[in-house]
PDB file of N, CA and C in Angstrom:
ATOM      1  N   MET A   1      -3.597   3.295 -16.941  1.00  0.00           N
ATOM      2  CA  MET A   1      -3.195   2.957 -15.544  1.00  0.00           C
ATOM      3  C   MET A   1      -1.898   3.454 -15.037  1.00  0.00           C
ATOM      4  N   ARG A   2      -1.012   4.064 -15.975  1.00  0.00           N
ATOM      5  CA  ARG A   2       0.231   4.421 -15.347  1.00  0.00           C
ATOM      6  C   ARG A   2       0.073   5.785 -14.602  1.00  0.00           C
ATOM      7  N   LEU A   3      -0.999   6.634 -15.041  1.00  0.00           N
ATOM      8  CA  LEU A   3      -1.241   7.771 -14.418  1.00  0.00           C
ATOM      9  C   LEU A   3      -1.537   7.419 -13.010  1.00  0.00           C
ATOM     10  N   PHE A   4      -2.300   6.563 -12.688  1.00  0.00           N
ATOM     11  CA  PHE A   4      -2.715   6.137 -11.368  1.00  0.00           C
ATOM     12  C   PHE A   4      -1.610   5.649 -10.703  1.00  0.00           C
ATOM     13  N   VAL A   5      -0.799   4.550 -11.085  1.00  0.00           N
ATOM     14  CA  VAL A   5       0.423   4.040 -10.456  1.00  0.00           C
ATOM     15  C   VAL A   5       1.293   4.876 -10.088  1.00  0.00           C
ATOM     16  N   LEU A   6       1.621   6.027 -11.081  1.00  0.00           N
ATOM     17  CA  LEU A   6       2.515   6.980 -10.612  1.00  0.00           C
ATOM     18  C   LEU A   6       1.997   7.869  -9.437  1.00  0.00           C
ATOM     19  N   ILE A   7       0.898   8.179  -9.317  1.00  0.00           N
ATOM     20  CA  ILE A   7       0.354   8.782  -8.049  1.00  0.00           C
ATOM     21  C   ILE A   7       0.238   7.992  -7.010  1.00  0.00           C
ATOM     22  N   LEU A   8      -0.237   6.838  -6.997  1.00  0.00           N
ATOM     23  CA  LEU A   8      -0.382   5.790  -5.892  1.00  0.00           C
ATOM     24  C   LEU A   8       1.059   5.421  -5.306  1.00  0.00           C
ATOM     25  N   VAL A   9       2.129   5.219  -6.091  1.00  0.00           N
ATOM     26  CA  VAL A   9       3.312   4.548  -5.398  1.00  0.00           C
ATOM     27  C   VAL A   9       3.771   5.762  -4.527  1.00  0.00           C
ATOM     28  N   PRO A  10       4.158   7.018  -5.014  1.00  0.00           N
ATOM     29  CA  PRO A  10       4.794   7.984  -4.196  1.00  0.00           C
ATOM     30  C   PRO A  10       4.083   8.312  -2.903  1.00  0.00           C
ATOM     31  N   VAL A  11       2.699   8.138  -3.090  1.00  0.00           N
ATOM     32  CA  VAL A  11       2.040   8.721  -1.783  1.00  0.00           C
ATOM     33  C   VAL A  11       2.126   7.357  -0.824  1.00  0.00           C
ATOM     34  N   CYS A  12       2.054   6.224  -1.224  1.00  0.00           N
ATOM     35  CA  CYS A  12       2.075   5.055  -0.305  1.00  0.00           C
ATOM     36  C   CYS A  12       3.566   4.583   0.119  1.00  0.00           C
ATOM     37  N   ALA A  13       4.602   4.919  -0.692  1.00  0.00           N
ATOM     38  CA  ALA A  13       5.893   4.483  -0.313  1.00  0.00           C
ATOM     39  C   ALA A  13       6.337   5.080   1.115  1.00  0.00           C
ATOM     40  N   ALA A  14       6.023   6.258   1.327  1.00  0.00           N
ATOM     41  CA  ALA A  14       6.337   6.868   2.662  1.00  0.00           C
ATOM     42  C   ALA A  14       5.779   6.038   3.706  1.00  0.00           C
ATOM     43  N   GLY A  15       4.719   5.452   3.660  1.00  0.00           N
ATOM     44  CA  GLY A  15       4.166   4.821   4.850  1.00  0.00           C
ATOM     45  C   GLY A  15       4.498   3.231   4.913  1.00  0.00           C
ATOM     46  N   ALA A  16       5.120   2.779   3.909  1.00  0.00           N
ATOM     47  CA  ALA A  16       5.187   1.350   4.101  1.00  0.00           C
ATOM     48  C   ALA A  16       6.879   0.894   4.336  1.00  0.00           C
ATOM     49  N   GLY A  17       7.256   1.582   5.225  1.00  0.00           N
ATOM     50  CA  GLY A  17       8.860   1.455   5.726  1.00  0.00           C
ATOM     51  C   GLY A  17       8.909   0.544   6.770  1.00  0.00           C
ATOM     52  N   CYS A  18      10.150   0.052   6.987  1.00  0.00           N
ATOM     53  CA  CYS A  18      10.370  -0.974   8.236  1.00  0.00           C
ATOM     54  C   CYS A  18      10.402  -0.121   9.529  1.00  0.00           C
ATOM     55  N   ALA A  19      10.469   1.156   9.519  1.00  0.00           N
ATOM     56  CA  ALA A  19      10.574   1.688  10.747  1.00  0.00           C
ATOM     57  C   ALA A  19       9.727   2.958  10.525  1.00  0.00           C
ATOM     58  N   ASP A  20       8.855   3.414  11.446  1.00  0.00           N
ATOM     59  CA  ASP A  20       8.033   4.445  11.019  1.00  0.00           C
ATOM     60  C   ASP A  20       7.613   5.204  12.562  1.00  0.00           C
ATOM     61  N   GLY A  21       7.858   6.456  12.819  1.00  0.00           N
ATOM     62  CA  GLY A  21       7.504   7.072  13.962  1.00  0.00           C
ATOM     63  C   GLY A  21       7.540   6.380  15.018  1.00  0.00           C
ATOM     64  N   GLY A  22       8.661   5.914  15.610  1.00  0.00           N
ATOM     65  CA  GLY A  22       9.112   5.356  16.731  1.00  0.00           C
ATOM     66  C   GLY A  22       8.537   3.882  16.916  1.00  0.00           C
ATOM     67  N   TYR A  23       8.224   3.234  15.832  1.00  0.00           N
ATOM     68  CA  TYR A  23       8.102   1.768  15.913  1.00  0.00           C
ATOM     69  C   TYR A  23       9.099   1.224  14.608  1.00  0.00           C
ATOM     70  N   TYR A  24       9.271  -0.160  14.856  1.00  0.00           N
ATOM     71  CA  TYR A  24      10.073  -0.926  13.866  1.00  0.00           C
ATOM     72  C   TYR A  24       9.300  -2.169  13.959  1.00  0.00           C
ATOM     73  N   TRP A  25       9.735  -3.121  12.876  1.00  0.00           N
ATOM     74  CA  TRP A  25       9.420  -4.443  12.801  1.00  0.00           C
ATOM     75  C   TRP A  25      10.558  -5.264  13.419  1.00  0.00           C
ATOM     76  N   HIS A  26      10.137  -6.061  14.440  1.00  0.00           N
ATOM     77  CA  HIS A  26      11.117  -7.132  15.143  1.00  0.00           C
ATOM     78  C   HIS A  26      10.722  -8.415  14.966  1.00  0.00           C
ATOM     79  N   ASN A  27      11.804  -9.348  14.936  1.00  0.00           N
ATOM     80  CA  ASN A  27      11.732 -10.748  14.844  1.00  0.00           C
ATOM     81  C   ASN A  27      13.028 -11.195  15.414  1.00  0.00           C
ATOM     82  N   PRO A  28      13.060 -11.728  16.616  1.00  0.00           N
ATOM     83  CA  PRO A  28      14.361 -11.948  17.307  1.00  0.00           C
ATOM     84  C   PRO A  28      15.095 -13.174  16.671  1.00  0.00           C
ATOM     85  N   ALA A  29      14.222 -14.020  15.800  1.00  0.00           N
ATOM     86  CA  ALA A  29      15.047 -15.019  15.154  1.00  0.00           C
ATOM     87  C   ALA A  29      15.809 -14.663  13.648  1.00  0.00           C
ATOM     88  N   LYS A  30      15.633 -13.181  13.496  1.00  0.00           N
ATOM     89  CA  LYS A  30      16.237 -12.884  12.182  1.00  0.00           C
ATOM     90  C   LYS A  30      17.263 -11.804  12.447  1.00  0.00           C
ATOM     91  N   THR A  31      18.249 -11.974  11.430  1.00  0.00           N
ATOM     92  CA  THR A  31      19.369 -11.060  11.490  1.00  0.00           C
ATOM     93  C   THR A  31      19.109  -9.646  11.038  1.00  0.00           C
ATOM     94  N   ARG A  32      19.533  -8.590  11.239  1.00  0.00           N
ATOM     95  CA  ARG A  32      19.405  -7.321  10.398  1.00  0.00           C
ATOM     96  C   ARG A  32      19.243  -7.205   8.916  1.00  0.00           C
ATOM     97  N   ALA A  33      20.185  -8.026   8.401  1.00  0.00           N
ATOM     98  CA  ALA A  33      20.125  -8.283   6.798  1.00  0.00           C
ATOM     99  C   ALA A  33      18.942  -9.091   6.616  1.00  0.00           C
ATOM    100  N   GLN A  34      18.723 -10.047   7.184  1.00  0.00           N
ATOM    101  CA  GLN A  34      17.357 -10.772   6.703  1.00  0.00           C
ATOM    102  C   GLN A  34      16.107  -9.959   6.980  1.00  0.00           C
ATOM    103  N   ALA A  35      16.149  -8.963   8.030  1.00  0.00           N
ATOM    104  CA  ALA A  35      14.931  -8.122   8.367  1.00  0.00           C
ATOM    105  C   ALA A  35      14.941  -7.256   7.118  1.00  0.00           C
ATOM    106  N   LYS A  36      15.914  -6.558   6.467  1.00  0.00           N
ATOM    107  CA  LYS A  36      15.888  -5.600   5.486  1.00  0.00           C
ATOM    108  C   LYS A  36      15.551  -6.123   4.361  1.00  0.00           C
ATOM    109  N   ARG A  37      15.970  -7.433   4.052  1.00  0.00           N
ATOM    110  CA  ARG A  37      15.438  -8.124   2.883  1.00  0.00           C
ATOM    111  C   ARG A  37      14.073  -8.574   2.878  1.00  0.00           C
ATOM    112  N   ASP A  38      13.487  -9.161   4.126  1.00  0.00           N
ATOM    113  CA  ASP A  38      12.116  -9.298   4.229  1.00  0.00           C
ATOM    114  C   ASP A  38      10.981  -8.067   4.143  1.00  0.00           C
ATOM    115  N   CYS A  39      11.737  -6.884   4.689  1.00  0.00           N
ATOM    116  CA  CYS A  39      10.888  -5.765   4.538  1.00  0.00           C
ATOM    117  C   CYS A  39      10.814  -5.227   3.038  1.00  0.00           C
ATOM    118  N   LEU A  40      11.950  -5.390   2.380  1.00  0.00           N
ATOM    119  CA  LEU A  40      11.864  -4.957   0.867  1.00  0.00           C
ATOM    120  C   LEU A  40      11.005  -5.731   0.110  1.00  0.00           C
ATOM    121  N   ARG A  41      10.995  -7.392   0.511  1.00  0.00           N
ATOM    122  CA  ARG A  41      10.137  -8.155  -0.283  1.00  0.00           C
ATOM    123  C   ARG A  41       8.615  -7.825  -0.051  1.00  0.00           C
ATOM    124  N   CYS A  42       8.335  -7.360   1.377  1.00  0.00           N
ATOM    125  CA  CYS A  42       6.930  -7.098   1.786  1.00  0.00           C
ATOM    126  C   CYS A  42       6.711  -5.766   1.078  1.00  0.00           C
ATOM    127  N   ARG A  43       7.451  -4.852   1.017  1.00  0.00           N
ATOM    128  CA  ARG A  43       7.103  -3.565   0.391  1.00  0.00           C
ATOM    129  C   ARG A  43       6.713  -3.806  -1.041  1.00  0.00           C
ATOM    130  N   ASN A  44       7.698  -4.466  -1.656  1.00  0.00           N
ATOM    131  CA  ASN A  44       7.578  -4.611  -3.151  1.00  0.00           C
ATOM    132  C   ASN A  44       6.146  -5.352  -3.284  1.00  0.00           C
ATOM    133  N   LEU A  45       6.001  -6.632  -2.674  1.00  0.00           N
ATOM    134  CA  LEU A  45       4.756  -7.321  -2.624  1.00  0.00           C
ATOM    135  C   LEU A  45       3.608  -6.375  -2.624  1.00  0.00           C
ATOM    136  N   ALA A  46       3.516  -5.529  -1.540  1.00  0.00           N
ATOM    137  CA  ALA A  46       2.588  -4.502  -1.256  1.00  0.00           C
ATOM    138  C   ALA A  46       2.117  -3.481  -2.169  1.00  0.00           C
ATOM    139  N   VAL A  47       3.240  -3.163  -2.786  1.00  0.00           N
ATOM    140  CA  VAL A  47       2.936  -2.108  -3.984  1.00  0.00           C
ATOM    141  C   VAL A  47       2.524  -2.554  -5.291  1.00  0.00           C
ATOM    142  N   ALA A  48       2.891  -4.015  -5.555  1.00  0.00           N
ATOM    143  CA  ALA A  48       2.493  -4.608  -6.607  1.00  0.00           C
ATOM    144  C   ALA A  48       0.989  -5.011  -6.476  1.00  0.00           C
ATOM    145  N   GLU A  49       0.600  -5.716  -5.249  1.00  0.00           N
ATOM    146  CA  GLU A  49      -0.731  -5.933  -5.070  1.00  0.00           C
ATOM    147  C   GLU A  49      -1.706  -4.896  -5.050  1.00  0.00           C
ATOM    148  N   ALA A  50      -1.235  -3.702  -4.309  1.00  0.00           N
ATOM    149  CA  ALA A  50      -2.018  -2.367  -4.233  1.00  0.00           C
ATOM    150  C   ALA A  50      -2.428  -1.617  -5.610  1.00  0.00           C
ATOM    151  N   SER A  51      -1.138  -1.665  -6.398  1.00  0.00           N
ATOM    152  CA  SER A  51      -1.462  -1.292  -7.921  1.00  0.00           C
ATOM    153  C   SER A  51      -2.447  -2.162  -8.683  1.00  0.00           C
ATOM    154  N   GLN A  52      -2.161  -3.656  -8.539  1.00  0.00           N
ATOM    155  CA  GLN A  52      -3.093  -4.357  -9.338  1.00  0.00           C
ATOM    156  C   GLN A  52      -4.677  -4.279  -8.913  1.00  0.00           C
ATOM    157  N   ALA A  53      -4.635  -4.050  -7.590  1.00  0.00           N
ATOM    158  CA  ALA A  53      -6.104  -4.082  -6.937  1.00  0.00           C
ATOM    159  C   ALA A  53      -6.925  -2.625  -7.348  1.00  0.00           C
ATOM    160  N   VAL A  54      -6.090  -1.508  -7.487  1.00  0.00           N
ATOM    161  CA  VAL A  54      -6.595  -0.215  -7.677  1.00  0.00           C
ATOM    162  C   VAL A  54      -6.841  -0.389  -9.264  1.00  0.00           C
ATOM    163  N   ALA A  55      -5.901  -0.923  -9.891  1.00  0.00           N
ATOM    164  CA  ALA A  55      -6.289  -1.168 -11.500  1.00  0.00           C
ATOM    165  C   ALA A  55      -7.442  -1.790 -11.885  1.00  0.00           C
ATOM    166  N   GLU A  56      -7.651  -2.854 -11.169  1.00  0.00           N
ATOM    167  CA  GLU A  56      -8.820  -3.781 -11.338  1.00  0.00           C
ATOM    168  C   GLU A  56     -10.127  -2.924 -10.956  1.00  0.00           C
ATOM    169  N   TYR A  57     -10.057  -2.107  -9.843  1.00  0.00           N
ATOM    170  CA  TYR A  57     -11.330  -1.584  -9.402  1.00  0.00           C
ATOM    171  C   TYR A  57     -11.534  -0.126 -10.184  1.00  0.00           C
ATOM    172  N   TYR A  58     -10.405   0.462 -10.421  1.00  0.00           N
ATOM    173  CA  TYR A  58     -10.582   1.773 -11.159  1.00  0.00           C
ATOM    174  C   TYR A  58     -10.768   1.659 -12.567  1.00  0.00           C
ATOM    175  N   TYR A  59      -9.887   0.904 -13.218  1.00  0.00           N
ATOM    176  CA  TYR A  59     -10.077   0.825 -14.577  1.00  0.00           C
ATOM    177  C   TYR A  59     -10.841  -0.648 -15.110  1.00  0.00           C
ATOM    178  N   GLY A  60     -11.307  -1.468 -14.312  1.00  0.00           N
ATOM    179  CA  GLY A  60     -11.775  -2.643 -14.644  1.00  0.00           C
ATOM    180  C   GLY A  60     -13.371  -2.322 -15.133  1.00  0.00           C
ATOM    181  N   HIS A  61     -13.732  -1.180 -14.841  1.00  0.00           N
ATOM    182  CA  HIS A  61     -15.293  -0.999 -15.305  1.00  0.00           C
ATOM    183  C   HIS A  61     -15.320   0.178 -16.702  1.00  0.00           C
ATOM    184  N   SER A  62     -15.939   0.004 -17.561  1.00  0.00           N
ATOM    185  CA  SER A  62     -15.829   0.970 -18.575  1.00  0.00           C
ATOM    186  C   SER A  62     -16.442   2.149 -18.357  1.00  0.00           C
ATOM    187  N   ALA A  63     -17.756   2.213 -17.943  1.00  0.00           N
ATOM    188  CA  ALA A  63     -18.413   3.293 -17.954  1.00  0.00           C
ATOM    189  C   ALA A  63     -18.105   4.026 -16.524  1.00  0.00           C
ATOM    190  N   THR A  64     -18.029   3.284 -15.436  1.00  0.00           N
ATOM    191  CA  THR A  64     -17.809   3.879 -14.069  1.00  0.00           C
ATOM    192  C   THR A  64     -16.889   2.887 -13.348  1.00  0.00           C
ATOM    193  N   ALA A  65     -16.319   3.407 -12.450  1.00  0.00           N
ATOM    194  CA  ALA A  65     -15.442   2.450 -11.445  1.00  0.00           C
ATOM    195  C   ALA A  65     -16.107   2.353 -10.323  1.00  0.00           C
ATOM    196  N   ARG A  66     -15.926   1.107  -9.984  1.00  0.00           N
ATOM    197  CA  ARG A  66     -16.843   0.573  -8.683  1.00  0.00           C
ATOM    198  C   ARG A  66     -15.632   0.016  -7.599  1.00  0.00           C
ATOM    199  N   GLY A  67     -15.561   0.561  -6.475  1.00  0.00           N
ATOM    200  CA  GLY A  67     -14.700   0.440  -5.580  1.00  0.00           C
ATOM    201  C   GLY A  67     -15.305  -1.009  -4.657  1.00  0.00           C
ATOM    202  N   PRO A  68     -14.640  -0.976  -3.533  1.00  0.00           N
ATOM    203  CA  PRO A  68     -15.131  -2.084  -2.678  1.00  0.00           C
ATOM    204  C   PRO A  68     -16.397  -2.004  -2.153  1.00  0.00           C
ATOM    205  N   ASN A  69     -17.054  -0.599  -1.961  1.00  0.00           N
ATOM    206  CA  ASN A  69     -18.300  -0.542  -1.326  1.00  0.00           C
ATOM    207  C   ASN A  69     -19.229  -0.410  -2.318  1.00  0.00           C
ATOM    208  N   GLY A  70     -18.797  -0.700  -3.647  1.00  0.00           N
ATOM    209  CA  GLY A  70     -19.957  -1.034  -4.765  1.00  0.00           C
ATOM    210  C   GLY A  70     -20.172   0.220  -5.385  1.00  0.00           C
ATOM    211  N   SER A  71     -19.900   1.579  -5.004  1.00  0.00           N
ATOM    212  CA  SER A  71     -20.378   2.710  -5.538  1.00  0.00           C
ATOM    213  C   SER A  71     -19.855   2.986  -6.620  1.00  0.00           C
ATOM    214  N   GLY A  72     -20.399   3.694  -7.761  1.00  0.00           N
ATOM    215  CA  GLY A  72     -20.115   4.055  -8.829  1.00  0.00           C
ATOM    216  C   GLY A  72     -19.589   5.513  -9.083  1.00  0.00           C
ATOM    217  N   HIS A  73     -18.627   5.744  -9.774  1.00  0.00           N
ATOM    218  CA  HIS A  73     -18.195   7.117  -9.711  1.00  0.00           C
ATOM    219  C   HIS A  73     -17.638   7.324 -11.333  1.00  0.00           C
ATOM    220  N   GLY A  74     -18.123   8.452 -11.849  1.00  0.00           N
ATOM    221  CA  GLY A  74     -17.712   8.697 -13.093  1.00  0.00           C
ATOM    222  C   GLY A  74     -16.221   9.494 -13.172  1.00  0.00           C
ATOM    223  N   ILE A  75     -15.290   8.729 -12.950  1.00  0.00           N
ATOM    224  CA  ILE A  75     -13.942   9.292 -12.762  1.00  0.00           C
ATOM    225  C   ILE A  75     -13.319   9.467 -14.160  1.00  0.00           C
ATOM    226  N   ASP A  76     -12.814  10.594 -14.284  1.00  0.00           N
ATOM    227  CA  ASP A  76     -11.953  10.768 -15.411  1.00  0.00           C
ATOM    228  C   ASP A  76     -10.538  10.730 -15.037  1.00  0.00           C
ATOM    229  N   PRO A  77      -9.655   9.595 -15.512  1.00  0.00           N
ATOM    230  CA  PRO A  77      -8.448   9.573 -15.345  1.00  0.00           C
ATOM    231  C   PRO A  77      -7.543  10.641 -15.493  1.00  0.00           C
ATOM    232  N   SER A  78      -8.011  11.491 -16.563  1.00  0.00           N
ATOM    233  CA  SER A  78      -6.997  12.417 -16.990  1.00  0.00           C
ATOM    234  C   SER A  78      -7.035  13.766 -15.839  1.00  0.00           C
ATOM    235  N   ASP A  79      -8.205  13.707 -14.954  1.00  0.00           N
ATOM    236  CA  ASP A  79      -8.486  14.923 -14.254  1.00  0.00           C
ATOM    237  C   ASP A  79      -7.614  14.637 -12.864  1.00  0.00           C
ATOM    238  N   ALA A  80      -6.495  15.043 -12.896  1.00  0.00           N
ATOM    239  CA  ALA A  80      -5.616  14.911 -11.478  1.00  0.00           C
ATOM    240  C   ALA A  80      -6.127  15.543 -10.246  1.00  0.00           C
ATOM    241  N   ASP A  81      -6.885  16.574 -10.514  1.00  0.00           N
ATOM    242  CA  ASP A  81      -7.509  17.090  -9.461  1.00  0.00           C
ATOM    243  C   ASP A  81      -8.886  16.571  -8.947  1.00  0.00           C
ATOM    244  N   CYS A  82      -9.332  15.615  -9.509  1.00  0.00           N
ATOM    245  CA  CYS A  82     -10.420  14.966  -9.170  1.00  0.00           C
ATOM    246  C   CYS A  82     -10.583  14.260  -7.789  1.00  0.00           C
ATOM    247  N   SER A  83     -11.636  14.721  -6.954  1.00  0.00           N
ATOM    248  CA  SER A  83     -11.648  14.267  -5.564  1.00  0.00           C
ATOM    249  C   SER A  83     -12.036  12.706  -5.544  1.00  0.00           C
ATOM    250  N   ALA A  84     -12.477  12.271  -6.547  1.00  0.00           N
ATOM    251  CA  ALA A  84     -12.843  10.756  -6.749  1.00  0.00           C
ATOM    252  C   ALA A  84     -11.352  10.033  -6.768  1.00  0.00           C
ATOM    253  N   LEU A  85     -10.523  10.677  -7.654  1.00  0.00           N
ATOM    254  CA  LEU A  85      -9.123  10.056  -7.850  1.00  0.00           C
ATOM    255  C   LEU A  85      -8.327  10.069  -6.643  1.00  0.00           C
ATOM    256  N   ARG A  86      -8.560  11.136  -5.920  1.00  0.00           N
ATOM    257  CA  ARG A  86      -7.857  11.427  -4.533  1.00  0.00           C
ATOM    258  C   ARG A  86      -8.225  10.248  -3.685  1.00  0.00           C
ATOM    259  N   GLY A  87      -9.562   9.906  -3.663  1.00  0.00           N
ATOM    260  CA  GLY A  87     -10.200   8.921  -2.851  1.00  0.00           C
ATOM    261  C   GLY A  87      -9.631   7.335  -3.161  1.00  0.00           C
ATOM    262  N   TRP A  88      -9.537   7.176  -4.596  1.00  0.00           N
ATOM    263  CA  TRP A  88      -9.084   6.010  -4.928  1.00  0.00           C
ATOM    264  C   TRP A  88      -7.501   5.954  -4.310  1.00  0.00           C
ATOM    265  N   THR A  89      -6.827   6.907  -4.522  1.00  0.00           N
ATOM    266  CA  THR A  89      -5.469   7.086  -4.002  1.00  0.00           C
ATOM    267  C   THR A  89      -5.342   6.718  -2.606  1.00  0.00           C
ATOM    268  N   GLU A  90      -6.188   7.136  -1.847  1.00  0.00           N
ATOM    269  CA  GLU A  90      -6.142   6.848  -0.343  1.00  0.00           C
ATOM    270  C   GLU A  90      -6.457   5.294  -0.161  1.00  0.00           C
ATOM    271  N   TRP A  91      -7.541   4.971  -0.834  1.00  0.00           N
ATOM    272  CA  TRP A  91      -7.867   3.632  -0.619  1.00  0.00           C
ATOM    273  C   TRP A  91      -6.670   2.521  -0.911  1.00  0.00           C
ATOM    274  N   GLY A  92      -6.079   2.956  -2.089  1.00  0.00           N
ATOM    275  CA  GLY A  92      -4.943   2.199  -2.528  1.00  0.00           C
ATOM    276  C   GLY A  92      -3.571   2.306  -1.523  1.00  0.00           C
ATOM    277  N   ALA A  93      -3.576   3.448  -0.763  1.00  0.00           N
ATOM    278  CA  ALA A  93      -2.549   3.486   0.136  1.00  0.00           C
ATOM    279  C   ALA A  93      -2.942   2.590   1.292  1.00  0.00           C
ATOM    280  N   THR A  94      -4.074   2.594   1.751  1.00  0.00           N
ATOM    281  CA  THR A  94      -4.547   1.834   2.746  1.00  0.00           C
ATOM    282  C   THR A  94      -4.369   0.310   2.549  1.00  0.00           C
ATOM    283  N   TYR A  95      -4.899   0.018   1.264  1.00  0.00           N
ATOM    284  CA  TYR A  95      -4.518  -1.476   0.890  1.00  0.00           C
ATOM    285  C   TYR A  95      -3.148  -1.815   0.878  1.00  0.00           C
ATOM    286  N   GLN A  96      -2.355  -0.832   0.384  1.00  0.00           N
ATOM    287  CA  GLN A  96      -0.885  -1.249   0.328  1.00  0.00           C
ATOM    288  C   GLN A  96      -0.397  -1.420   1.922  1.00  0.00           C
ATOM    289  N   GLU A  97      -0.796  -0.519   2.655  1.00  0.00           N
ATOM    290  CA  GLU A  97      -0.255  -0.829   4.036  1.00  0.00           C
ATOM    291  C   GLU A  97      -0.842  -1.948   4.727  1.00  0.00           C
ATOM    292  N   ASN A  98      -2.039  -2.527   4.413  1.00  0.00           N
ATOM    293  CA  ASN A  98      -2.473  -3.568   5.032  1.00  0.00           C
ATOM    294  C   ASN A  98      -1.746  -4.900   4.519  1.00  0.00           C
ATOM    295  N   VAL A  99      -1.359  -4.774   3.243  1.00  0.00           N
ATOM    296  CA  VAL A  99      -0.668  -5.949   2.545  1.00  0.00           C
ATOM    297  C   VAL A  99       0.652  -6.209   3.223  1.00  0.00           C
ATOM    298  N   PHE A 100       1.445  -4.877   3.463  1.00  0.00           N
ATOM    299  CA  PHE A 100       2.752  -4.692   3.835  1.00  0.00           C
ATOM    300  C   PHE A 100       2.833  -5.396   5.255  1.00  0.00           C
ATOM    301  N   ARG A 101       1.878  -4.942   6.221  1.00  0.00           N
ATOM    302  CA  ARG A 101       1.685  -5.558   7.531  1.00  0.00           C
ATOM    303  C   ARG A 101       1.412  -6.762   7.512  1.00  0.00           C
ATOM    304  N   GLY A 102       0.582  -7.274   6.722  1.00  0.00           N
ATOM    305  CA  GLY A 102       0.051  -8.660   6.937  1.00  0.00           C
ATOM    306  C   GLY A 102       1.386  -9.523   6.305  1.00  0.00           C
ATOM    307  N   CYS A 103       2.329  -8.967   5.434  1.00  0.00           N
ATOM    308  CA  CYS A 103       3.375  -9.870   4.946  1.00  0.00           C
ATOM    309  C   CYS A 103       4.534 -10.066   6.330  1.00  0.00           C
ATOM    310  N   MET A 104       4.658  -8.757   6.757  1.00  0.00           N
ATOM    311  CA  MET A 104       5.657  -8.859   7.860  1.00  0.00           C
ATOM    312  C   MET A 104       5.229  -9.785   8.970  1.00  0.00           C
ATOM    313  N   LYS A 105       3.860  -9.650   9.308  1.00  0.00           N
ATOM    314  CA  LYS A 105       3.499 -10.355  10.429  1.00  0.00           C
ATOM    315  C   LYS A 105       3.459 -11.844  10.129  1.00  0.00           C
ATOM    316  N   HIS A 106       3.139 -12.194   8.664  1.00  0.00           N
ATOM    317  CA  HIS A 106       3.385 -13.697   8.315  1.00  0.00           C
ATOM    318  C   HIS A 106       4.747 -14.073   8.433  1.00  0.00           C
ATOM    319  N   LYS A 107       5.755 -13.369   8.337  1.00  0.00           N
ATOM    320  CA  LYS A 107       7.144 -13.719   8.088  1.00  0.00           C
ATOM    321  C   LYS A 107       7.550 -13.757   9.804  1.00  0.00           C
ATOM    322  N   GLY A 108       6.681 -13.509  10.693  1.00  0.00           N
ATOM    323  CA  GLY A 108       7.066 -13.563  12.204  1.00  0.00           C
ATOM    324  C   GLY A 108       7.436 -12.467  12.760  1.00  0.00           C
ATOM    325  N   TYR A 109       7.466 -11.209  12.243  1.00  0.00           N
ATOM    326  CA  TYR A 109       7.699  -9.782  12.837  1.00  0.00           C
ATOM    327  C   TYR A 109       6.448  -9.281  13.603  1.00  0.00           C
ATOM    328  N   ARG A 110       6.796  -8.276  14.686  1.00  0.00           N
ATOM    329  CA  ARG A 110       5.868  -7.647  15.085  1.00  0.00           C
ATOM    330  C   ARG A 110       6.251  -6.374  15.316  1.00  0.00           C
ATOM    331  N   LEU A 111       5.343  -5.313  15.073  1.00  0.00           N
ATOM    332  CA  LEU A 111       5.531  -3.879  15.164  1.00  0.00           C
ATOM    333  C   LEU A 111       5.866  -3.668  16.753  1.00  0.00           C
ATOM    334  N   THR A 112       7.021  -3.002  17.047  1.00  0.00           N
ATOM    335  CA  THR A 112       7.517  -2.798  18.370  1.00  0.00           C
ATOM    336  C   THR A 112       7.777  -1.268  18.576  1.00  0.00           C
ATOM    337  N   SER A 113       7.463  -0.776  19.720  1.00  0.00           N
ATOM    338  CA  SER A 113       8.033   0.508  19.989  1.00  0.00           C
ATOM    339  C   SER A 113       9.363   0.703  20.283  1.00  0.00           C
ATOM    340  N   VAL A 114       9.901   1.728  19.671  1.00  0.00           N
ATOM    341  CA  VAL A 114      11.499   2.083  19.930  1.00  0.00           C
ATOM    342  C   VAL A 114      11.648   2.428  21.398  1.00  0.00           C
ATOM    343  N   ALA A 115      10.630   2.878  21.904  1.00  0.00           N
ATOM    344  CA  ALA A 115      10.731   3.434  23.325  1.00  0.00           C
ATOM    345  C   ALA A 115      10.827   1.924  24.329  1.00  0.00           C
ATOM    346  N   GLY A 116      10.409   0.734  23.805  1.00  0.00           N
ATOM    347  CA  GLY A 116      10.230  -0.517  24.468  1.00  0.00           C
ATOM    348  C   GLY A 116      11.258  -1.370  24.214  1.00  0.00           C
ATOM    349  N   ARG A 117      12.337  -0.722  23.783  1.00  0.00           N
ATOM    350  CA  ARG A 117      13.475  -1.669  23.560  1.00  0.00           C
ATOM    351  C   ARG A 117      14.132  -2.044  24.730  1.00  0.00           C
TER     352      ARG A 117
END
């Protein structure tokens, strides 16, 4: 599991920030310090949940790994160049981003354009 988590987290961390490419998370009822804390909590939650989900799908099956679409892959976790491993990493990144966005929305934030300030 460590190999995959080490690959997953650096790839995902860049996309799970509080401000990204002209957008930021805004809640008028929160201070900047509260927003930073909420963002950090949501990011940590997203990393933990995505890592767990990938570990369950990727390592939870002895002979093959089965993902959300039910397809089986004979993935060798020691093969870092394996295209299936890259696919799992992308799936994990998407999962993490969805958890992060859901967490921020649940806390009352909305993604706002910097240009719309």
